[in-house]
Each structure stands twice: as C-alpha cells, then as structure tokens.
Protein backbone atom coordinates (compact mmCIF):
# COMPACT_ATOMS: atom_id res chain seq x y z
CA MET A 1 80.72 126.93 85.90
CA ILE A 2 84.12 128.20 84.79
CA ARG A 3 84.63 131.93 84.79
CA ASP A 4 86.14 133.71 81.78
CA LEU A 5 89.78 132.73 81.49
CA PRO A 6 92.56 135.08 80.32
CA GLU A 7 94.07 134.44 76.92
CA ILE A 8 97.28 132.43 76.73
CA LYS A 9 99.93 134.28 74.70
CA ARG A 10 102.47 131.96 73.10
CA ASP A 11 104.90 134.05 71.05
CA GLN A 12 107.13 134.67 74.06
CA ARG A 13 107.40 130.90 74.48
CA LEU A 14 109.07 130.57 71.08
CA THR A 15 111.47 133.33 72.11
CA CYS A 16 112.37 131.38 75.26
CA LEU A 17 112.80 128.17 73.27
CA ARG A 18 115.13 129.90 70.83
CA ALA A 19 117.23 131.19 73.71
CA SER A 20 117.53 127.61 75.01
CA MET A 21 118.42 126.39 71.53
CA SER A 22 121.14 129.01 71.25
CA SER A 23 122.58 128.05 74.64
CA GLN A 24 122.82 124.45 73.45
CA ALA A 25 124.28 125.40 70.05
CA VAL A 26 121.41 123.98 67.99
CA ASP A 27 119.77 125.82 65.11
CA GLY A 28 116.70 123.60 64.68
CA PHE A 29 114.20 122.01 67.07
CA LEU A 30 111.65 119.33 66.14
CA THR A 31 108.94 117.85 68.36
CA SER A 32 105.93 115.61 67.91
CA ASP A 33 105.07 115.47 71.61
CA GLY A 34 101.47 116.50 72.26
CA VAL A 35 102.21 118.48 75.42
CA SER A 36 105.11 120.38 73.85
CA LEU A 37 103.00 121.08 70.75
CA ARG A 38 100.16 122.46 72.81
CA TRP A 39 102.37 124.61 75.02
CA LEU A 40 104.30 126.12 72.10
CA SER A 41 101.58 126.43 69.46
CA GLY A 42 98.14 125.85 70.99
CA PHE A 43 97.56 122.88 68.69
CA THR A 44 95.58 120.09 70.39
CA GLY A 45 95.27 117.54 67.59
CA SER A 46 96.53 114.00 67.98
CA ALA A 47 99.04 114.13 65.11
CA GLY A 48 101.42 116.96 64.45
CA ARG A 49 105.04 118.02 64.34
CA LEU A 50 106.49 121.43 65.10
CA LEU A 51 109.76 122.66 63.61
CA VAL A 52 111.37 125.77 65.07
CA SER A 53 114.43 127.67 63.86
CA ASP A 54 115.90 131.05 64.75
CA THR A 55 113.64 132.79 62.27
CA SER A 56 110.67 130.51 61.57
CA ALA A 57 108.22 128.01 63.04
CA TYR A 58 106.17 125.44 61.13
CA LEU A 59 103.38 123.10 62.25
CA PHE A 60 102.92 120.00 60.11
CA THR A 61 99.70 118.01 60.36
CA ASP A 62 97.19 116.19 58.16
CA GLY A 63 93.88 117.09 56.57
CA ARG A 64 91.81 116.06 59.59
CA TYR A 65 93.17 119.08 61.45
CA ALA A 66 93.43 121.65 58.64
CA GLU A 67 90.83 124.08 60.00
CA GLN A 68 91.56 123.32 63.66
CA ALA A 69 95.29 123.91 63.30
CA GLU A 70 94.81 127.29 61.64
CA MET A 71 92.40 128.36 64.39
CA GLU A 72 94.54 127.14 67.27
CA VAL A 73 97.81 128.78 66.15
CA GLN A 74 96.17 132.16 65.55
CA GLY A 75 98.13 134.96 67.16
CA THR A 76 101.46 133.19 66.75
CA GLU A 77 104.07 133.34 64.00
CA ILE A 78 103.62 129.63 63.29
CA GLU A 79 102.88 128.64 59.69
CA VAL A 80 100.73 125.55 59.13
CA PHE A 81 101.48 122.90 56.49
CA ILE A 82 98.82 120.28 55.70
CA GLY A 83 99.54 116.96 54.03
CA GLY A 84 99.87 113.21 54.37
CA THR A 85 102.81 111.54 56.03
CA ASP A 86 104.97 111.36 52.90
CA LYS A 87 104.43 115.02 52.07
CA GLN A 88 105.12 116.04 55.65
CA ASN A 89 108.30 113.98 55.77
CA ALA A 90 109.55 115.51 52.53
CA LEU A 91 108.87 119.05 53.72
CA ILE A 92 110.42 118.44 57.13
CA THR A 93 113.51 116.82 55.63
CA ASN A 94 113.90 119.73 53.22
CA HIS A 95 113.77 122.23 56.08
CA LEU A 96 115.98 120.21 58.41
CA ASP A 97 118.71 119.87 55.80
CA GLN A 98 119.26 123.62 56.11
CA PHE A 99 120.43 123.18 59.69
CA GLN A 100 123.70 122.08 61.25
CA ARG A 101 122.33 120.61 64.50
CA VAL A 102 118.72 119.61 65.15
CA ALA A 103 117.50 119.09 68.72
CA LEU A 104 114.96 116.41 69.65
CA GLU A 105 113.29 115.82 73.01
CA ALA A 106 115.07 112.64 74.02
CA ASP A 107 112.59 111.93 76.81
CA ARG A 108 109.56 112.36 74.52
CA ILE A 109 110.48 110.83 71.18
CA SER A 110 110.61 107.17 70.25
CA TRP A 111 113.92 105.51 69.47
CA ILE A 112 112.72 104.52 66.00
CA GLU A 113 111.68 108.08 65.13
CA ALA A 114 115.08 109.42 66.19
CA GLU A 115 116.89 106.72 64.22
CA GLU A 116 114.87 107.40 61.08
CA LEU A 117 115.77 111.08 61.27
CA ARG A 118 119.46 110.26 61.72
CA LYS A 119 119.37 108.10 58.59
CA THR A 120 117.70 110.69 56.38
CA LEU A 121 119.26 113.98 57.49
CA ARG A 122 122.58 115.58 56.74
CA ALA A 123 122.22 117.66 59.90
CA GLU A 124 123.48 116.33 63.21
CA VAL A 125 120.58 115.05 65.35
CA THR A 126 121.20 115.72 69.03
CA PRO A 127 119.10 114.62 72.01
CA THR A 128 118.01 117.13 74.63
CA VAL A 129 116.28 116.40 77.93
CA GLY A 130 113.86 118.88 79.45
CA ILE A 131 114.29 121.63 76.87
CA ILE A 132 110.53 122.33 76.99
CA SER A 133 109.65 120.94 80.43
CA GLU A 134 112.20 123.30 82.00
CA LEU A 135 110.52 126.24 80.29
CA ARG A 136 107.11 125.05 81.49
CA LYS A 137 108.05 124.89 85.18
CA SER A 138 107.15 128.51 85.97
CA LYS A 139 103.54 129.28 85.10
CA GLU A 140 102.17 132.38 83.44
CA PRO A 141 99.13 134.15 84.97
CA ALA A 142 96.81 132.62 82.36
CA GLU A 143 98.06 129.14 83.23
CA ILE A 144 97.64 129.74 86.96
CA ALA A 145 94.07 130.90 86.33
CA ARG A 146 93.28 127.59 84.60
CA ILE A 147 94.83 125.47 87.36
CA GLU A 148 92.98 127.51 89.97
CA ALA A 149 89.69 127.03 88.10
CA ALA A 150 90.31 123.28 87.97
CA ALA A 151 91.10 123.24 91.71
CA SER A 152 87.90 125.16 92.48
CA ILE A 153 85.82 122.62 90.57
CA ALA A 154 87.36 119.77 92.56
CA ASP A 155 86.74 121.62 95.83
CA GLN A 156 83.07 122.15 94.94
CA ALA A 157 82.57 118.53 93.92
CA LEU A 158 83.94 117.23 97.21
CA ALA A 159 81.87 119.68 99.26
CA GLN A 160 78.75 118.50 97.44
CA LEU A 161 79.38 114.79 97.93
CA ARG A 162 81.30 114.43 101.17
CA PRO A 163 78.19 113.60 103.30
CA GLU A 164 77.47 110.64 101.02
CA LEU A 165 80.58 108.86 102.31
CA GLY A 166 78.62 107.98 105.45
CA ASN A 167 75.82 106.28 103.47
CA LYS A 168 77.80 103.12 102.66
CA PRO A 169 78.49 103.63 98.94
CA THR A 170 80.96 101.37 97.19
CA GLU A 171 84.33 102.87 96.30
CA ILE A 172 83.47 102.86 92.62
CA GLU A 173 80.04 104.43 93.20
CA PHE A 174 81.54 107.31 95.11
CA ALA A 175 84.40 107.78 92.65
CA ARG A 176 81.99 107.94 89.71
CA ALA A 177 79.76 110.40 91.56
CA LEU A 178 82.78 112.61 92.19
CA ASP A 179 83.73 112.40 88.50
CA TYR A 180 80.20 113.35 87.45
CA ALA A 181 80.12 116.30 89.86
CA MET A 182 83.36 117.69 88.42
CA LEU A 183 82.23 117.24 84.83
CA THR A 184 78.85 118.88 85.41
CA SER A 185 80.57 121.78 87.19
CA GLY A 186 82.58 122.68 84.09
CA ALA A 187 85.59 120.36 83.97
CA GLU A 188 86.43 119.27 80.44
CA GLY A 189 87.79 116.01 81.83
CA LEU A 190 89.47 114.36 84.77
CA SER A 191 93.10 114.91 85.72
CA PHE A 192 93.49 111.14 86.16
CA GLU A 193 91.41 108.15 87.24
CA THR A 194 89.87 109.13 90.56
CA ILE A 195 91.14 107.16 93.56
CA CYS A 196 88.63 106.13 96.22
CA ALA A 197 90.25 103.60 98.53
CA SER A 198 88.74 102.46 101.82
CA GLY A 199 89.77 100.29 104.74
CA PRO A 200 92.73 98.05 103.87
CA ASN A 201 92.58 99.27 100.24
CA SER A 202 93.73 102.71 101.46
CA ALA A 203 97.15 101.17 102.17
CA LEU A 204 97.67 101.06 98.37
CA PRO A 205 98.95 104.50 97.26
CA HIS A 206 97.48 104.11 93.76
CA ALA A 207 94.51 101.88 94.49
CA ARG A 208 91.76 101.70 91.87
CA PRO A 209 88.14 101.98 93.02
CA SER A 210 86.55 98.61 93.73
CA ASN A 211 83.14 97.27 94.69
CA ARG A 212 84.11 97.32 98.37
CA VAL A 213 81.44 99.00 100.50
CA ILE A 214 82.70 101.93 102.59
CA GLU A 215 81.95 100.97 106.19
CA PRO A 216 82.00 102.73 109.59
CA GLY A 217 85.52 102.73 111.02
CA ASP A 218 87.15 102.92 107.59
CA LEU A 219 89.87 105.29 106.52
CA VAL A 220 89.00 106.55 103.01
CA ILE A 221 91.51 108.17 100.68
CA LEU A 222 90.11 110.35 97.88
CA ASP A 223 92.65 111.52 95.28
CA PHE A 224 91.18 113.38 92.31
CA GLY A 225 91.42 116.40 90.06
CA ALA A 226 89.70 118.35 87.30
CA LEU A 227 90.92 119.41 83.88
CA VAL A 228 90.32 122.94 82.54
CA ASP A 229 91.56 123.94 79.08
CA GLY A 230 94.30 121.30 79.32
CA TYR A 231 95.44 122.24 82.84
CA HIS A 232 95.15 119.91 85.84
CA SER A 233 94.44 120.14 89.53
CA ASP A 234 95.39 117.50 92.11
CA MET A 235 94.02 117.04 95.63
CA THR A 236 93.88 114.27 98.21
CA ARG A 237 91.80 114.13 101.36
CA THR A 238 91.51 111.25 103.84
CA PHE A 239 88.35 110.74 105.89
CA MET A 240 87.42 108.68 108.92
CA ILE A 241 83.97 107.13 108.63
CA GLY A 242 82.45 107.29 112.12
CA ASP A 243 84.51 106.32 115.12
CA GLY A 244 88.00 105.12 114.31
CA ASP A 245 90.62 103.38 116.38
CA GLU A 246 93.58 105.08 118.01
CA GLN A 247 96.07 104.03 115.33
CA SER A 248 93.90 105.45 112.53
CA TRP A 249 93.62 108.79 114.28
CA LEU A 250 97.35 108.83 114.97
CA MET A 251 98.05 108.37 111.25
CA LEU A 252 95.49 110.99 110.25
CA ASN A 253 96.81 113.62 112.61
CA ALA A 254 100.44 112.83 111.80
CA VAL A 255 100.00 113.14 108.04
CA THR A 256 97.83 116.25 108.29
CA ASP A 257 100.47 117.93 110.45
CA ALA A 258 103.28 116.76 108.13
CA GLN A 259 101.44 118.21 105.15
CA GLU A 260 101.06 121.55 106.92
CA LEU A 261 104.78 121.60 107.77
CA GLY A 262 105.63 120.82 104.16
CA TYR A 263 103.32 123.55 102.90
CA GLN A 264 104.78 126.10 105.31
CA SER A 265 108.27 125.30 104.00
CA VAL A 266 107.40 126.06 100.36
CA ARG A 267 108.83 129.36 99.14
CA PRO A 268 111.22 130.66 96.49
CA GLY A 269 114.84 129.69 97.08
CA VAL A 270 114.07 126.52 99.04
CA THR A 271 115.28 123.26 97.53
CA ALA A 272 112.68 120.63 96.74
CA SER A 273 114.45 118.21 99.09
CA GLN A 274 113.91 120.63 102.00
CA VAL A 275 110.15 120.38 101.51
CA ASP A 276 110.45 116.60 101.51
CA VAL A 277 112.49 116.73 104.73
CA ALA A 278 109.91 118.96 106.41
CA CYS A 279 107.24 116.30 105.89
CA ARG A 280 109.38 113.22 106.34
CA SER A 281 111.18 114.30 109.53
CA HIS A 282 107.86 114.87 111.31
CA LEU A 283 106.69 111.38 110.39
CA ASP A 284 110.08 109.99 111.39
CA ASN A 285 109.70 111.52 114.87
CA LEU A 286 106.47 109.56 115.23
CA GLY A 287 107.96 106.31 113.95
CA LEU A 288 105.99 106.46 110.68
CA ALA A 289 108.61 107.47 108.10
CA ASP A 290 109.14 103.88 106.94
CA HIS A 291 105.50 103.89 105.81
CA PHE A 292 105.97 107.05 103.68
CA VAL A 293 106.90 105.29 100.46
CA HIS A 294 106.83 108.02 97.77
CA GLY A 295 108.10 111.52 97.13
CA THR A 296 106.43 114.54 98.69
CA GLY A 297 105.22 116.15 95.49
CA HIS A 298 105.54 117.18 91.87
CA GLY A 299 104.77 119.99 89.49
CA VAL A 300 101.28 120.36 87.99
CA GLY A 301 100.27 121.98 84.71
CA LEU A 302 99.55 120.59 81.27
CA GLU A 303 100.65 117.29 82.79
CA ILE A 304 99.47 115.93 86.10
CA HIS A 305 103.05 114.97 86.96
CA GLU A 306 105.75 117.31 85.69
CA ALA A 307 108.84 119.19 86.88
CA PRO A 308 109.77 120.25 89.49
CA TRP A 309 109.92 117.00 91.44
CA ILE A 310 109.80 117.18 95.24
CA ASN A 311 111.64 114.27 96.83
CA ALA A 312 114.60 113.54 99.07
CA ASP A 313 117.06 113.44 96.16
CA SER A 314 115.97 116.61 94.35
CA SER A 315 118.39 119.55 94.38
CA THR A 316 115.98 121.70 92.35
CA THR A 317 115.48 125.19 93.77
CA LEU A 318 111.83 126.22 93.88
CA GLU A 319 110.89 129.46 92.14
CA GLU A 320 108.06 131.94 92.15
CA ASP A 321 105.08 131.02 89.91
CA GLN A 322 105.77 127.30 89.99
CA VAL A 323 102.80 125.10 90.88
CA VAL A 324 103.54 121.99 92.92
CA THR A 325 101.82 119.46 95.16
CA VAL A 326 102.62 118.70 98.78
CA GLU A 327 101.35 115.19 99.54
CA PRO A 328 102.87 113.15 102.35
CA GLY A 329 101.30 109.77 103.09
CA VAL A 330 101.51 106.83 105.46
CA TYR A 331 100.50 103.33 104.33
CA ARG A 332 100.29 100.26 106.56
CA PRO A 333 99.65 97.09 104.53
CA GLY A 334 96.59 95.18 105.67
CA PHE A 335 95.48 98.06 107.89
CA GLY A 336 95.01 101.25 105.90
CA GLY A 337 96.57 104.47 104.75
CA VAL A 338 96.38 108.26 104.89
CA ARG A 339 97.41 110.88 102.33
CA VAL A 340 96.74 114.62 102.38
CA GLU A 341 97.57 116.73 99.34
CA ASP A 342 97.16 120.26 98.04
CA THR A 343 98.07 121.93 94.79
CA VAL A 344 100.16 124.94 95.78
CA LEU A 345 101.27 128.10 93.95
CA ILE A 346 104.70 129.44 94.92
CA THR A 347 104.43 133.20 95.47
CA SER A 348 107.06 135.90 95.92
CA SER A 349 107.07 135.45 99.69
CA GLY A 350 105.85 131.90 100.26
CA ALA A 351 103.00 129.84 98.89
CA ARG A 352 99.24 129.84 98.40
CA ARG A 353 97.01 126.79 98.29
CA LEU A 354 94.94 126.47 95.13
CA THR A 355 92.97 123.52 96.54
CA SER A 356 91.09 124.63 99.62
CA ALA A 357 88.75 121.81 100.71
CA PRO A 358 88.71 121.50 104.52
CA LYS A 359 90.93 118.89 106.15
CA ASP A 360 88.62 117.97 109.03
CA SER A 361 88.50 114.21 108.67
CA LEU A 362 85.40 112.91 110.42
CA VAL A 363 82.35 111.88 108.38
C-alpha cells in the first residue's frame, strides 16, 4: 500500500504564476482547465474556473462541489464562490472588468469560450501558451514522492504477474490482471489504458489489448502505469516468450542498449534532442533507426504526457527535478516490436530511475 505522502503546498505556485503574468504584462489570469485548476488550487471537481490577479485568487464552482472545494483549497489564499452558471458568469465578468489584460490558456480553452469572453469583457483577452505547463515542468519533492509511489506500484504489479506471461493468457486477460494488481496495491487509477501487445501486434506502438493468445516465440510489449493522488507513472518492458528467433533478440538487445544510452545521457543542461540522439544513433548504427517512429520521451506528472518533450526537434534544456521518460522503440510491421521505457528523475548530477523493474527479457 502507499506510504504516507508529504503535503503539497500551493501558495508558492500562485506566486510563480503572478511572476509569469507580470512578465507577460497581464493583470488577470482565468482558467477552466482541470489540470491547471488542480495544480494551482487543489480542486479536483469536474467544473470550476479559477481567476487570479496580483492580489487575489477566486475559485468559481457550483453547488455540487461546495464542501469539496472549501476542503481542497484549504491552506491557500483562494476564496471560493458557489453558484450556477449565470451567477458565476456575472461574478467573473465583474471581476474581469477591473483588469486591462486577461490571459487565457490558448492550448487549453475552447475557441467558443474565448470568443464569448471577448464579446462580454472590456478588458483585452490575450492568449498564452504554456503559462502553467512551463511552471509544472520542474517537480516539487511532494510531487516526486507521488510519482515514485506510482512507479513502485507498477513495479510490484509486474513482478507479481510476469510468470503468468508463459501460461498462454490472452493480451486482454493479462492487461486486466495487471490493472487489477495495480489497483489492489493502492493505485487510485491507471495512468492510461494498459498496452499488452504480442507477436505481430507488438509492431503497433499504441496497440490495444486483444483476444490474441500469447504464444511461445512471441515478443510482448507491456506499457502501463499507476496513478497516485493525481500523479502518473509510465513504464514499458518487452519480453520474449520462450525461445525467440535471431531477429527478435537483435531488436530486444538493440533497444535495451539504446534505452540505457539515452538514460545515461540525461542530466541538467543537456538538450532534449541530445537524449533523442543518444538513443536514435545507436539504432541507426544497427540499421534500425527507420523503425523508431516516435520521440524518445516526454514529461510525466499530473498528465501522462506533458512538457518537456524529448525528440529530435526539441531545443528544450533539461533541468534538475524534471521527471521524464526515456522510451526508444523498434517496430517492424507484420513481425513485431520492442519498446523499453523508464520514468526518470533528473537530479543535480544526472538522473535516477523511478521505475525499477528488471529488463531481463526471457519468460
């Protein structure tokens, strides 16, 4: 079960947001995005809006969440307003009309919502991209503890069930067993739909579990993660069921080695593209780079895929306390595929794996 987790303190997050607002010359910020709401306020309801200015912060939601909202924002300066949509809109409009420029998250708000605000407000409505996601890239100790707890649950679930891969389950049977093991070990949910892809299905990077029986000689990709207090883990392991052919072992060894090279390259000051190159160049030397069809990794936190992005085009510089994945893969249509992935914490001097399941591949 999950150990006691440290408290998340959110007031400093509002301070950081206000600094970003000041740098962009906006005096109001409004969001209805669930992830941004949770990160800034702690509110986990399905309907809410948060308005932040230099001196105040207000959460607007409806009567379903009256008690929950008050409990979840405890310890912050945020004031809660409860009411139906019309009342909320009137209150928000009244507050927003005190501002000159109001920032919205352009990548997280619908076009119609932005247009309605433009029609009703005297203030200038300006789009921003990444104003919150940039702040979320580096993780606080309490966030790291949650991701690490989620990773530990996934590790334990795989250790418990790995021998069953040799007993000819179907993909969907094994995936559901893995889900159940994570949930009964303390996960509040799954990071995403578990991938269990065998034989030729493993050539599909995002295959969904099917009724195909896992047979001797198959490559099997397992990609899965647990959710703890809103924070995700992400891990992929590829297994060989019994004796495999030479090409399967070549792919397995190549990707495992590429993943290790990528992991060893992760440290503060390195660009994300350098990590991608570390993985991709190894596969290129073996004639497999054309079968590596996705980026090398991504950030992990309140979202399973978030900044920073690790790919060949990314100029982002990695920083201490960011949590990212390193996940090279090789996929040969009609034959099979291999992917190996860890969730990794960037430390002051390098990196530390948060997912620690062994990478020995034979079952």
